[in-house]
Amino acid sequence: MYFVYIIECKDKSLYTGITTDIERRFREHKNGMGGSYTRAKKVIKIVYKEKHPNRSSALKCEAEIKSWNRTKKLNLIKLNKQK
């Protein structure tokens, strides 16, 4: 099982990634081990997560979300909160 996730950073930017363990990956981002973007931007919270059956599916979804503008990402987050 894989997850696509979006994290809100301190500067209000959004970071999208994939993982098999969201809590572990969030801790890594928070502790500065998640990559240069989140190390520089300082993560605040996970604002979106979506399950995928395999890595390939998660990577495709991640790439699609990363291609979106901020407004479209915020709409996805908002729709997910309403569920």
PDB file of N, CA and C in Angstrom:
ATOM      1  N   MET A   1       0.843  -1.177   0.000  1.00  0.00           N
ATOM      2  CA  MET A   1       0.000   0.000   0.000  1.00  0.00           C
ATOM      3  C   MET A   1       0.895   1.249   0.000  1.00  0.00           C
ATOM      4  N   TYR A   2       0.577   2.158  -0.880  1.00  0.00           N
ATOM      5  CA  TYR A   2       1.289   3.439  -0.956  1.00  0.00           C
ATOM      6  C   TYR A   2       0.305   4.580  -0.721  1.00  0.00           C
ATOM      7  N   PHE A   3       0.840   5.706  -0.320  1.00  0.00           N
ATOM      8  CA  PHE A   3       0.041   6.903  -0.102  1.00  0.00           C
ATOM      9  C   PHE A   3       0.652   8.071  -0.854  1.00  0.00           C
ATOM     10  N   VAL A   4      -0.211   8.887  -1.428  1.00  0.00           N
ATOM     11  CA  VAL A   4       0.184  10.205  -1.937  1.00  0.00           C
ATOM     12  C   VAL A   4      -0.231  11.166  -0.848  1.00  0.00           C
ATOM     13  N   TYR A   5       0.642  12.109  -0.520  1.00  0.00           N
ATOM     14  CA  TYR A   5       0.317  13.051   0.540  1.00  0.00           C
ATOM     15  C   TYR A   5       0.703  14.465   0.135  1.00  0.00           C
ATOM     16  N   ILE A   6       0.042  15.413   0.771  1.00  0.00           N
ATOM     17  CA  ILE A   6       0.395  16.822   0.610  1.00  0.00           C
ATOM     18  C   ILE A   6       0.628  17.381   2.005  1.00  0.00           C
ATOM     19  N   ILE A   7       1.750  18.063   2.158  1.00  0.00           N
ATOM     20  CA  ILE A   7       2.113  18.690   3.427  1.00  0.00           C
ATOM     21  C   ILE A   7       2.087  20.204   3.247  1.00  0.00           C
ATOM     22  N   GLU A   8       1.533  20.880   4.232  1.00  0.00           N
ATOM     23  CA  GLU A   8       1.597  22.341   4.262  1.00  0.00           C
ATOM     24  C   GLU A   8       2.863  22.752   5.000  1.00  0.00           C
ATOM     25  N   CYS A   9       3.605  23.674   4.421  1.00  0.00           N
ATOM     26  CA  CYS A   9       4.840  24.159   5.029  1.00  0.00           C
ATOM     27  C   CYS A   9       4.588  25.492   5.738  1.00  0.00           C
ATOM     28  N   LYS A  10       5.554  25.901   6.525  1.00  0.00           N
ATOM     29  CA  LYS A  10       5.430  27.123   7.323  1.00  0.00           C
ATOM     30  C   LYS A  10       5.142  28.357   6.475  1.00  0.00           C
ATOM     31  N   ASP A  11       5.675  28.406   5.266  1.00  0.00           N
ATOM     32  CA  ASP A  11       5.448  29.556   4.374  1.00  0.00           C
ATOM     33  C   ASP A  11       4.155  29.404   3.566  1.00  0.00           C
ATOM     34  N   LYS A  12       3.327  28.418   3.937  1.00  0.00           N
ATOM     35  CA  LYS A  12       2.038  28.120   3.289  1.00  0.00           C
ATOM     36  C   LYS A  12       2.186  27.414   1.937  1.00  0.00           C
ATOM     37  N   SER A  13       3.401  27.068   1.536  1.00  0.00           N
ATOM     38  CA  SER A  13       3.573  26.296   0.304  1.00  0.00           C
ATOM     39  C   SER A  13       3.123  24.861   0.564  1.00  0.00           C
ATOM     40  N   LEU A  14       2.887  24.126  -0.516  1.00  0.00           N
ATOM     41  CA  LEU A  14       2.414  22.748  -0.432  1.00  0.00           C
ATOM     42  C   LEU A  14       3.435  21.814  -1.062  1.00  0.00           C
ATOM     43  N   TYR A  15       3.751  20.745  -0.355  1.00  0.00           N
ATOM     44  CA  TYR A  15       4.701  19.748  -0.836  1.00  0.00           C
ATOM     45  C   TYR A  15       3.960  18.438  -1.055  1.00  0.00           C
ATOM     46  N   THR A  16       4.138  17.814  -2.206  1.00  0.00           N
ATOM     47  CA  THR A  16       3.481  16.551  -2.533  1.00  0.00           C
ATOM     48  C   THR A  16       4.521  15.441  -2.633  1.00  0.00           C
ATOM     49  N   GLY A  17       4.201  14.288  -2.055  1.00  0.00           N
ATOM     50  CA  GLY A  17       5.113  13.152  -2.118  1.00  0.00           C
ATOM     51  C   GLY A  17       4.377  11.835  -2.004  1.00  0.00           C
ATOM     52  N   ILE A  18       5.130  10.727  -2.028  1.00  0.00           N
ATOM     53  CA  ILE A  18       4.552   9.392  -1.826  1.00  0.00           C
ATOM     54  C   ILE A  18       5.347   8.661  -0.753  1.00  0.00           C
ATOM     55  N   THR A  19       4.686   7.700  -0.115  1.00  0.00           N
ATOM     56  CA  THR A  19       5.326   6.905   0.921  1.00  0.00           C
ATOM     57  C   THR A  19       4.502   5.653   1.197  1.00  0.00           C
ATOM     58  N   THR A  20       5.090   4.716   1.918  1.00  0.00           N
ATOM     59  CA  THR A  20       4.337   3.554   2.398  1.00  0.00           C
ATOM     60  C   THR A  20       3.895   3.766   3.848  1.00  0.00           C
ATOM     61  N   ASP A  21       4.450   4.774   4.503  1.00  0.00           N
ATOM     62  CA  ASP A  21       4.148   5.047   5.916  1.00  0.00           C
ATOM     63  C   ASP A  21       4.112   6.568   6.128  1.00  0.00           C
ATOM     64  N   ILE A  22       2.925   7.119   6.158  1.00  0.00           N
ATOM     65  CA  ILE A  22       2.783   8.585   6.232  1.00  0.00           C
ATOM     66  C   ILE A  22       3.353   9.161   7.524  1.00  0.00           C
ATOM     67  N   GLU A  23       3.071   8.538   8.657  1.00  0.00           N
ATOM     68  CA  GLU A  23       3.545   9.077   9.933  1.00  0.00           C
ATOM     69  C   GLU A  23       5.079   9.103   9.995  1.00  0.00           C
ATOM     70  N   ARG A  24       5.697   8.003   9.549  1.00  0.00           N
ATOM     71  CA  ARG A  24       7.170   7.956   9.522  1.00  0.00           C
ATOM     72  C   ARG A  24       7.727   9.030   8.600  1.00  0.00           C
ATOM     73  N   ARG A  25       7.138   9.151   7.422  1.00  0.00           N
ATOM     74  CA  ARG A  25       7.641  10.119   6.440  1.00  0.00           C
ATOM     75  C   ARG A  25       7.463  11.549   6.944  1.00  0.00           C
ATOM     76  N   PHE A  26       6.344  11.819   7.600  1.00  0.00           N
ATOM     77  CA  PHE A  26       6.132  13.156   8.152  1.00  0.00           C
ATOM     78  C   PHE A  26       7.189  13.463   9.223  1.00  0.00           C
ATOM     79  N   ARG A  27       7.480  12.502  10.081  1.00  0.00           N
ATOM     80  CA  ARG A  27       8.535  12.693  11.091  1.00  0.00           C
ATOM     81  C   ARG A  27       9.871  12.985  10.421  1.00  0.00           C
ATOM     82  N   GLU A  28      10.168  12.264   9.334  1.00  0.00           N
ATOM     83  CA  GLU A  28      11.415  12.512   8.605  1.00  0.00           C
ATOM     84  C   GLU A  28      11.443  13.941   8.066  1.00  0.00           C
ATOM     85  N   HIS A  29      10.350  14.380   7.469  1.00  0.00           N
ATOM     86  CA  HIS A  29      10.282  15.763   6.974  1.00  0.00           C
ATOM     87  C   HIS A  29      10.471  16.742   8.127  1.00  0.00           C
ATOM     88  N   LYS A  30       9.783  16.500   9.239  1.00  0.00           N
ATOM     89  CA  LYS A  30       9.847  17.403  10.389  1.00  0.00           C
ATOM     90  C   LYS A  30      11.248  17.468  11.000  1.00  0.00           C
ATOM     91  N   ASN A  31      11.957  16.347  10.938  1.00  0.00           N
ATOM     92  CA  ASN A  31      13.304  16.283  11.507  1.00  0.00           C
ATOM     93  C   ASN A  31      14.400  16.666  10.519  1.00  0.00           C
ATOM     94  N   GLY A  32      14.003  17.197   9.354  1.00  0.00           N
ATOM     95  CA  GLY A  32      14.982  17.659   8.377  1.00  0.00           C
ATOM     96  C   GLY A  32      15.596  16.575   7.527  1.00  0.00           C
ATOM     97  N   MET A  33      14.994  15.381   7.526  1.00  0.00           N
ATOM     98  CA  MET A  33      15.539  14.264   6.751  1.00  0.00           C
ATOM     99  C   MET A  33      14.667  13.929   5.545  1.00  0.00           C
ATOM    100  N   GLY A  34      13.722  14.802   5.203  1.00  0.00           N
ATOM    101  CA  GLY A  34      12.768  14.495   4.150  1.00  0.00           C
ATOM    102  C   GLY A  34      13.106  15.071   2.800  1.00  0.00           C
ATOM    103  N   GLY A  35      14.181  15.776   2.689  1.00  0.00           N
ATOM    104  CA  GLY A  35      14.528  16.393   1.423  1.00  0.00           C
ATOM    105  C   GLY A  35      14.791  17.879   1.609  1.00  0.00           C
ATOM    106  N   SER A  36      15.468  18.466   0.652  1.00  0.00           N
ATOM    107  CA  SER A  36      15.902  19.865   0.797  1.00  0.00           C
ATOM    108  C   SER A  36      14.742  20.851   0.822  1.00  0.00           C
ATOM    109  N   TYR A  37      13.669  20.571   0.061  1.00  0.00           N
ATOM    110  CA  TYR A  37      12.540  21.513   0.031  1.00  0.00           C
ATOM    111  C   TYR A  37      11.900  21.629   1.407  1.00  0.00           C
ATOM    112  N   THR A  38      11.533  20.496   1.992  1.00  0.00           N
ATOM    113  CA  THR A  38      10.863  20.555   3.295  1.00  0.00           C
ATOM    114  C   THR A  38      11.832  20.933   4.416  1.00  0.00           C
ATOM    115  N   ARG A  39      13.097  20.654   4.236  1.00  0.00           N
ATOM    116  CA  ARG A  39      14.088  21.078   5.233  1.00  0.00           C
ATOM    117  C   ARG A  39      14.158  22.603   5.261  1.00  0.00           C
ATOM    118  N   ALA A  40      14.099  23.221   4.100  1.00  0.00           N
ATOM    119  CA  ALA A  40      14.172  24.686   4.007  1.00  0.00           C
ATOM    120  C   ALA A  40      12.857  25.355   4.392  1.00  0.00           C
ATOM    121  N   LYS A  41      11.738  24.730   4.048  1.00  0.00           N
ATOM    122  CA  LYS A  41      10.420  25.360   4.239  1.00  0.00           C
ATOM    123  C   LYS A  41       9.776  25.051   5.586  1.00  0.00           C
ATOM    124  N   LYS A  42      10.237  24.041   6.293  1.00  0.00           N
ATOM    125  CA  LYS A  42       9.700  23.641   7.598  1.00  0.00           C
ATOM    126  C   LYS A  42       8.239  23.203   7.500  1.00  0.00           C
ATOM    127  N   VAL A  43       8.002  21.924   7.665  1.00  0.00           N
ATOM    128  CA  VAL A  43       6.653  21.375   7.529  1.00  0.00           C
ATOM    129  C   VAL A  43       5.792  21.698   8.745  1.00  0.00           C
ATOM    130  N   ILE A  44       4.488  21.840   8.495  1.00  0.00           N
ATOM    131  CA  ILE A  44       3.528  22.123   9.561  1.00  0.00           C
ATOM    132  C   ILE A  44       2.623  20.908   9.799  1.00  0.00           C
ATOM    133  N   LYS A  45       1.915  20.488   8.738  1.00  0.00           N
ATOM    134  CA  LYS A  45       0.965  19.389   8.912  1.00  0.00           C
ATOM    135  C   LYS A  45       0.655  18.717   7.582  1.00  0.00           C
ATOM    136  N   ILE A  46       0.149  17.501   7.684  1.00  0.00           N
ATOM    137  CA  ILE A  46      -0.343  16.773   6.518  1.00  0.00           C
ATOM    138  C   ILE A  46      -1.757  17.280   6.252  1.00  0.00           C
ATOM    139  N   VAL A  47      -1.998  17.753   5.040  1.00  0.00           N
ATOM    140  CA  VAL A  47      -3.317  18.299   4.713  1.00  0.00           C
ATOM    141  C   VAL A  47      -4.107  17.408   3.759  1.00  0.00           C
ATOM    142  N   TYR A  48      -3.448  16.383   3.207  1.00  0.00           N
ATOM    143  CA  TYR A  48      -4.130  15.484   2.268  1.00  0.00           C
ATOM    144  C   TYR A  48      -3.386  14.164   2.210  1.00  0.00           C
ATOM    145  N   LYS A  49      -4.155  13.078   2.115  1.00  0.00           N
ATOM    146  CA  LYS A  49      -3.556  11.756   1.869  1.00  0.00           C
ATOM    147  C   LYS A  49      -4.546  10.910   1.090  1.00  0.00           C
ATOM    148  N   GLU A  50      -3.994  10.048   0.263  1.00  0.00           N
ATOM    149  CA  GLU A  50      -4.793   9.208  -0.624  1.00  0.00           C
ATOM    150  C   GLU A  50      -4.097   7.864  -0.787  1.00  0.00           C
ATOM    151  N   LYS A  51      -4.832   6.770  -0.582  1.00  0.00           N
ATOM    152  CA  LYS A  51      -4.276   5.418  -0.699  1.00  0.00           C
ATOM    153  C   LYS A  51      -4.173   4.998  -2.155  1.00  0.00           C
ATOM    154  N   HIS A  52      -3.111   4.215  -2.429  1.00  0.00           N
ATOM    155  CA  HIS A  52      -2.920   3.620  -3.756  1.00  0.00           C
ATOM    156  C   HIS A  52      -2.461   2.179  -3.580  1.00  0.00           C
ATOM    157  N   PRO A  53      -2.877   1.300  -4.478  1.00  0.00           N
ATOM    158  CA  PRO A  53      -2.548  -0.118  -4.324  1.00  0.00           C
ATOM    159  C   PRO A  53      -1.083  -0.468  -4.599  1.00  0.00           C
ATOM    160  N   ASN A  54      -0.395   0.409  -5.354  1.00  0.00           N
ATOM    161  CA  ASN A  54       0.998   0.096  -5.696  1.00  0.00           C
ATOM    162  C   ASN A  54       1.791   1.375  -5.970  1.00  0.00           C
ATOM    163  N   ARG A  55       3.094   1.214  -6.070  1.00  0.00           N
ATOM    164  CA  ARG A  55       3.995   2.356  -6.261  1.00  0.00           C
ATOM    165  C   ARG A  55       3.725   3.077  -7.580  1.00  0.00           C
ATOM    166  N   SER A  56       3.482   2.316  -8.627  1.00  0.00           N
ATOM    167  CA  SER A  56       3.245   2.904  -9.939  1.00  0.00           C
ATOM    168  C   SER A  56       2.042   3.843  -9.927  1.00  0.00           C
ATOM    169  N   SER A  57       0.970   3.389  -9.339  1.00  0.00           N
ATOM    170  CA  SER A  57      -0.251   4.201  -9.248  1.00  0.00           C
ATOM    171  C   SER A  57       0.010   5.472  -8.430  1.00  0.00           C
ATOM    172  N   ALA A  58       0.720   5.334  -7.326  1.00  0.00           N
ATOM    173  CA  ALA A  58       1.029   6.482  -6.475  1.00  0.00           C
ATOM    174  C   ALA A  58       1.922   7.489  -7.205  1.00  0.00           C
ATOM    175  N   LEU A  59       2.916   6.996  -7.927  1.00  0.00           N
ATOM    176  CA  LEU A  59       3.809   7.893  -8.667  1.00  0.00           C
ATOM    177  C   LEU A  59       3.068   8.671  -9.746  1.00  0.00           C
ATOM    178  N   LYS A  60       2.140   8.005 -10.425  1.00  0.00           N
ATOM    179  CA  LYS A  60       1.348   8.689 -11.455  1.00  0.00           C
ATOM    180  C   LYS A  60       0.487   9.783 -10.842  1.00  0.00           C
ATOM    181  N   CYS A  61      -0.138   9.479  -9.718  1.00  0.00           N
ATOM    182  CA  CYS A  61      -0.982  10.460  -9.040  1.00  0.00           C
ATOM    183  C   CYS A  61      -0.136  11.626  -8.525  1.00  0.00           C
ATOM    184  N   GLU A  62       1.018  11.321  -7.930  1.00  0.00           N
ATOM    185  CA  GLU A  62       1.917  12.359  -7.429  1.00  0.00           C
ATOM    186  C   GLU A  62       2.320  13.307  -8.559  1.00  0.00           C
ATOM    187  N   ALA A  63       2.693  12.752  -9.693  1.00  0.00           N
ATOM    188  CA  ALA A  63       3.112  13.577 -10.834  1.00  0.00           C
ATOM    189  C   ALA A  63       1.964  14.463 -11.308  1.00  0.00           C
ATOM    190  N   GLU A  64       0.761  13.913 -11.329  1.00  0.00           N
ATOM    191  CA  GLU A  64      -0.396  14.706 -11.754  1.00  0.00           C
ATOM    192  C   GLU A  64      -0.637  15.874 -10.798  1.00  0.00           C
ATOM    193  N   ILE A  65      -0.651  15.584  -9.494  1.00  0.00           N
ATOM    194  CA  ILE A  65      -0.894  16.637  -8.500  1.00  0.00           C
ATOM    195  C   ILE A  65       0.203  17.695  -8.561  1.00  0.00           C
ATOM    196  N   LYS A  66       1.447  17.271  -8.717  1.00  0.00           N
ATOM    197  CA  LYS A  66       2.554  18.234  -8.784  1.00  0.00           C
ATOM    198  C   LYS A  66       2.431  19.168  -9.990  1.00  0.00           C
ATOM    199  N   SER A  67       1.744  18.718 -11.036  1.00  0.00           N
ATOM    200  CA  SER A  67       1.582  19.560 -12.229  1.00  0.00           C
ATOM    201  C   SER A  67       0.477  20.607 -12.056  1.00  0.00           C
ATOM    202  N   TRP A  68      -0.339  20.452 -11.026  1.00  0.00           N
ATOM    203  CA  TRP A  68      -1.456  21.362 -10.801  1.00  0.00           C
ATOM    204  C   TRP A  68      -0.993  22.685 -10.206  1.00  0.00           C
ATOM    205  N   ASN A  69      -1.811  23.721 -10.418  1.00  0.00           N
ATOM    206  CA  ASN A  69      -1.534  24.994  -9.756  1.00  0.00           C
ATOM    207  C   ASN A  69      -2.038  24.923  -8.313  1.00  0.00           C
ATOM    208  N   ARG A  70      -1.675  25.913  -7.527  1.00  0.00           N
ATOM    209  CA  ARG A  70      -2.004  25.935  -6.098  1.00  0.00           C
ATOM    210  C   ARG A  70      -3.515  25.871  -5.865  1.00  0.00           C
ATOM    211  N   THR A  71      -4.291  26.607  -6.653  1.00  0.00           N
ATOM    212  CA  THR A  71      -5.742  26.637  -6.475  1.00  0.00           C
ATOM    213  C   THR A  71      -6.354  25.250  -6.625  1.00  0.00           C
ATOM    214  N   LYS A  72      -5.903  24.522  -7.618  1.00  0.00           N
ATOM    215  CA  LYS A  72      -6.431  23.176  -7.841  1.00  0.00           C
ATOM    216  C   LYS A  72      -6.053  22.248  -6.685  1.00  0.00           C
ATOM    217  N   LYS A  73      -4.843  22.373  -6.167  1.00  0.00           N
ATOM    218  CA  LYS A  73      -4.419  21.561  -5.016  1.00  0.00           C
ATOM    219  C   LYS A  73      -5.262  21.895  -3.788  1.00  0.00           C
ATOM    220  N   LEU A  74      -5.513  23.185  -3.562  1.00  0.00           N
ATOM    221  CA  LEU A  74      -6.328  23.594  -2.413  1.00  0.00           C
ATOM    222  C   LEU A  74      -7.754  23.081  -2.541  1.00  0.00           C
ATOM    223  N   ASN A  75      -8.292  23.044  -3.753  1.00  0.00           N
ATOM    224  CA  ASN A  75      -9.630  22.487  -3.972  1.00  0.00           C
ATOM    225  C   ASN A  75      -9.659  20.997  -3.648  1.00  0.00           C
ATOM    226  N   LEU A  76      -8.621  20.263  -4.037  1.00  0.00           N
ATOM    227  CA  LEU A  76      -8.526  18.842  -3.710  1.00  0.00           C
ATOM    228  C   LEU A  76      -8.526  18.651  -2.194  1.00  0.00           C
ATOM    229  N   ILE A  77      -7.742  19.445  -1.501  1.00  0.00           N
ATOM    230  CA  ILE A  77      -7.653  19.369  -0.038  1.00  0.00           C
ATOM    231  C   ILE A  77      -9.017  19.676   0.585  1.00  0.00           C
ATOM    232  N   LYS A  78      -9.669  20.714   0.087  1.00  0.00           N
ATOM    233  CA  LYS A  78     -10.979  21.121   0.608  1.00  0.00           C
ATOM    234  C   LYS A  78     -12.017  20.019   0.387  1.00  0.00           C
ATOM    235  N   LEU A  79     -12.050  19.427  -0.798  1.00  0.00           N
ATOM    236  CA  LEU A  79     -13.002  18.353  -1.091  1.00  0.00           C
ATOM    237  C   LEU A  79     -12.758  17.143  -0.194  1.00  0.00           C
ATOM    238  N   ASN A  80     -11.502  16.847   0.067  1.00  0.00           N
ATOM    239  CA  ASN A  80     -11.150  15.710   0.908  1.00  0.00           C
ATOM    240  C   ASN A  80     -11.624  15.922   2.352  1.00  0.00           C
ATOM    241  N   LYS A  81     -11.556  17.155   2.837  1.00  0.00           N
ATOM    242  CA  LYS A  81     -11.993  17.456   4.204  1.00  0.00           C
ATOM    243  C   LYS A  81     -13.499  17.328   4.354  1.00  0.00           C
ATOM    244  N   GLN A  82     -14.237  17.509   3.276  1.00  0.00           N
ATOM    245  CA  GLN A  82     -15.692  17.428   3.323  1.00  0.00           C
ATOM    246  C   GLN A  82     -16.206  15.996   3.348  1.00  0.00           C
ATOM    247  N   LYS A  83     -15.355  15.049   3.029  1.00  0.00           N
ATOM    248  CA  LYS A  83     -15.769  13.631   3.003  1.00  0.00           C
ATOM    249  C   LYS A  83     -15.939  13.081   4.395  1.00  0.00           C
TER     250      LYS A  83
END
